[in-house]
Amino acid sequence: MSTSSIDNDGQGMIVNPKPTADNQDWDGDEADRADRLRFEEEQAMIREQSEARAAKAAAEAEAAKKATA
């Protein structure tokens, strides 16, 4: 078996390390942390909008019920 003159030692390859049992404290780099923060903020905004819509729908249903009574 012959080896090529270009060894594939991983240089130039994208590596996304994942936490393992040996490395549970891996937190990624600054971009990973920024992505998580942005995602958490978006999820909080979605939750707030959803709760506001649910409250508005409940208030409209209550108003409709009072109007028909």
C-alpha atoms as a PDB file:
ATOM      1  CA  MET A   1       0.000   0.000   0.000  1.00  0.00           C
ATOM      2  CA  SER A   2       1.486   3.325  -0.998  1.00  0.00           C
ATOM      3  CA  THR A   3       0.974   6.604   0.755  1.00  0.00           C
ATOM      4  CA  SER A   4       0.256   9.735  -1.163  1.00  0.00           C
ATOM      5  CA  SER A   5       2.588  12.683  -1.032  1.00  0.00           C
ATOM      6  CA  ILE A   6      -0.214  14.725   0.551  1.00  0.00           C
ATOM      7  CA  ASP A   7      -1.083  13.399   3.976  1.00  0.00           C
ATOM      8  CA  ASN A   8      -4.579  14.138   5.154  1.00  0.00           C
ATOM      9  CA  ASP A   9      -3.774  15.370   8.642  1.00  0.00           C
ATOM     10  CA  GLY A  10      -6.983  17.358   9.028  1.00  0.00           C
ATOM     11  CA  GLN A  11      -5.601  20.719   8.030  1.00  0.00           C
ATOM     12  CA  GLY A  12      -8.061  22.775   6.074  1.00  0.00           C
ATOM     13  CA  MET A  13     -10.954  20.611   7.211  1.00  0.00           C
ATOM     14  CA  ILE A  14     -13.867  21.921   9.243  1.00  0.00           C
ATOM     15  CA  VAL A  15     -13.922  20.303  12.646  1.00  0.00           C
ATOM     16  CA  ASN A  16     -16.885  20.718  14.944  1.00  0.00           C
ATOM     17  CA  PRO A  17     -15.874  19.219  18.251  1.00  0.00           C
ATOM     18  CA  LYS A  18     -18.681  17.827  20.326  1.00  0.00           C
ATOM     19  CA  PRO A  19     -18.667  17.371  24.058  1.00  0.00           C
ATOM     20  CA  THR A  20     -17.735  13.886  25.122  1.00  0.00           C
ATOM     21  CA  ALA A  21     -17.820  12.124  28.444  1.00  0.00           C
ATOM     22  CA  ASP A  22     -14.223  13.265  28.924  1.00  0.00           C
ATOM     23  CA  ASN A  23     -14.960  16.867  27.963  1.00  0.00           C
ATOM     24  CA  GLN A  24     -18.323  17.883  29.420  1.00  0.00           C
ATOM     25  CA  ASP A  25     -17.250  21.472  30.012  1.00  0.00           C
ATOM     26  CA  TRP A  26     -16.657  22.243  26.329  1.00  0.00           C
ATOM     27  CA  ASP A  27     -18.536  25.422  25.539  1.00  0.00           C
ATOM     28  CA  GLY A  28     -17.479  26.108  21.973  1.00  0.00           C
ATOM     29  CA  ASP A  29     -16.011  29.363  20.849  1.00  0.00           C
ATOM     30  CA  GLU A  30     -17.313  32.920  20.951  1.00  0.00           C
ATOM     31  CA  ALA A  31     -19.430  32.392  17.830  1.00  0.00           C
ATOM     32  CA  ASP A  32     -21.097  29.320  19.355  1.00  0.00           C
ATOM     33  CA  ARG A  33     -21.899  31.254  22.523  1.00  0.00           C
ATOM     34  CA  ALA A  34     -23.249  34.185  20.479  1.00  0.00           C
ATOM     35  CA  ASP A  35     -25.436  31.809  18.456  1.00  0.00           C
ATOM     36  CA  ARG A  36     -26.845  30.262  21.637  1.00  0.00           C
ATOM     37  CA  LEU A  37     -27.527  33.693  23.129  1.00  0.00           C
ATOM     38  CA  ARG A  38     -29.259  34.873  19.949  1.00  0.00           C
ATOM     39  CA  PHE A  39     -31.322  31.678  19.827  1.00  0.00           C
ATOM     40  CA  GLU A  40     -32.359  32.063  23.481  1.00  0.00           C
ATOM     41  CA  GLU A  41     -33.375  35.689  22.882  1.00  0.00           C
ATOM     42  CA  GLU A  42     -35.407  34.705  19.816  1.00  0.00           C
ATOM     43  CA  GLN A  43     -37.122  31.922  21.753  1.00  0.00           C
ATOM     44  CA  ALA A  44     -37.973  34.349  24.580  1.00  0.00           C
ATOM     45  CA  MET A  45     -39.445  36.821  22.070  1.00  0.00           C
ATOM     46  CA  ILE A  46     -41.495  34.066  20.425  1.00  0.00           C
ATOM     47  CA  ARG A  47     -42.762  32.948  23.840  1.00  0.00           C
ATOM     48  CA  GLU A  48     -43.731  36.511  24.785  1.00  0.00           C
ATOM     49  CA  GLN A  49     -45.567  37.020  21.495  1.00  0.00           C
ATOM     50  CA  SER A  50     -47.358  33.710  21.895  1.00  0.00           C
ATOM     51  CA  GLU A  51     -48.428  34.546  25.435  1.00  0.00           C
ATOM     52  CA  ALA A  52     -49.619  38.002  24.321  1.00  0.00           C
ATOM     53  CA  ARG A  53     -51.671  36.476  21.503  1.00  0.00           C
ATOM     54  CA  ALA A  54     -53.181  33.910  23.874  1.00  0.00           C
ATOM     55  CA  ALA A  55     -54.072  36.637  26.374  1.00  0.00           C
ATOM     56  CA  LYS A  56     -55.599  38.775  23.604  1.00  0.00           C
ATOM     57  CA  ALA A  57     -57.637  35.815  22.313  1.00  0.00           C
ATOM     58  CA  ALA A  58     -58.861  35.035  25.838  1.00  0.00           C
ATOM     59  CA  ALA A  59     -59.831  38.679  26.387  1.00  0.00           C
ATOM     60  CA  GLU A  60     -61.692  38.783  23.061  1.00  0.00           C
ATOM     61  CA  ALA A  61     -63.500  35.540  23.892  1.00  0.00           C
ATOM     62  CA  GLU A  62     -64.490  36.929  27.292  1.00  0.00           C
ATOM     63  CA  ALA A  63     -65.710  40.178  25.699  1.00  0.00           C
ATOM     64  CA  ALA A  64     -67.722  38.221  23.120  1.00  0.00           C
ATOM     65  CA  LYS A  65     -69.265  36.093  25.863  1.00  0.00           C
ATOM     66  CA  LYS A  66     -70.279  39.215  27.851  1.00  0.00           C
ATOM     67  CA  ALA A  67     -71.682  40.857  24.715  1.00  0.00           C
ATOM     68  CA  THR A  68     -73.976  37.891  24.014  1.00  0.00           C
ATOM     69  CA  ALA A  69     -75.157  37.598  27.612  1.00  0.00           C
END
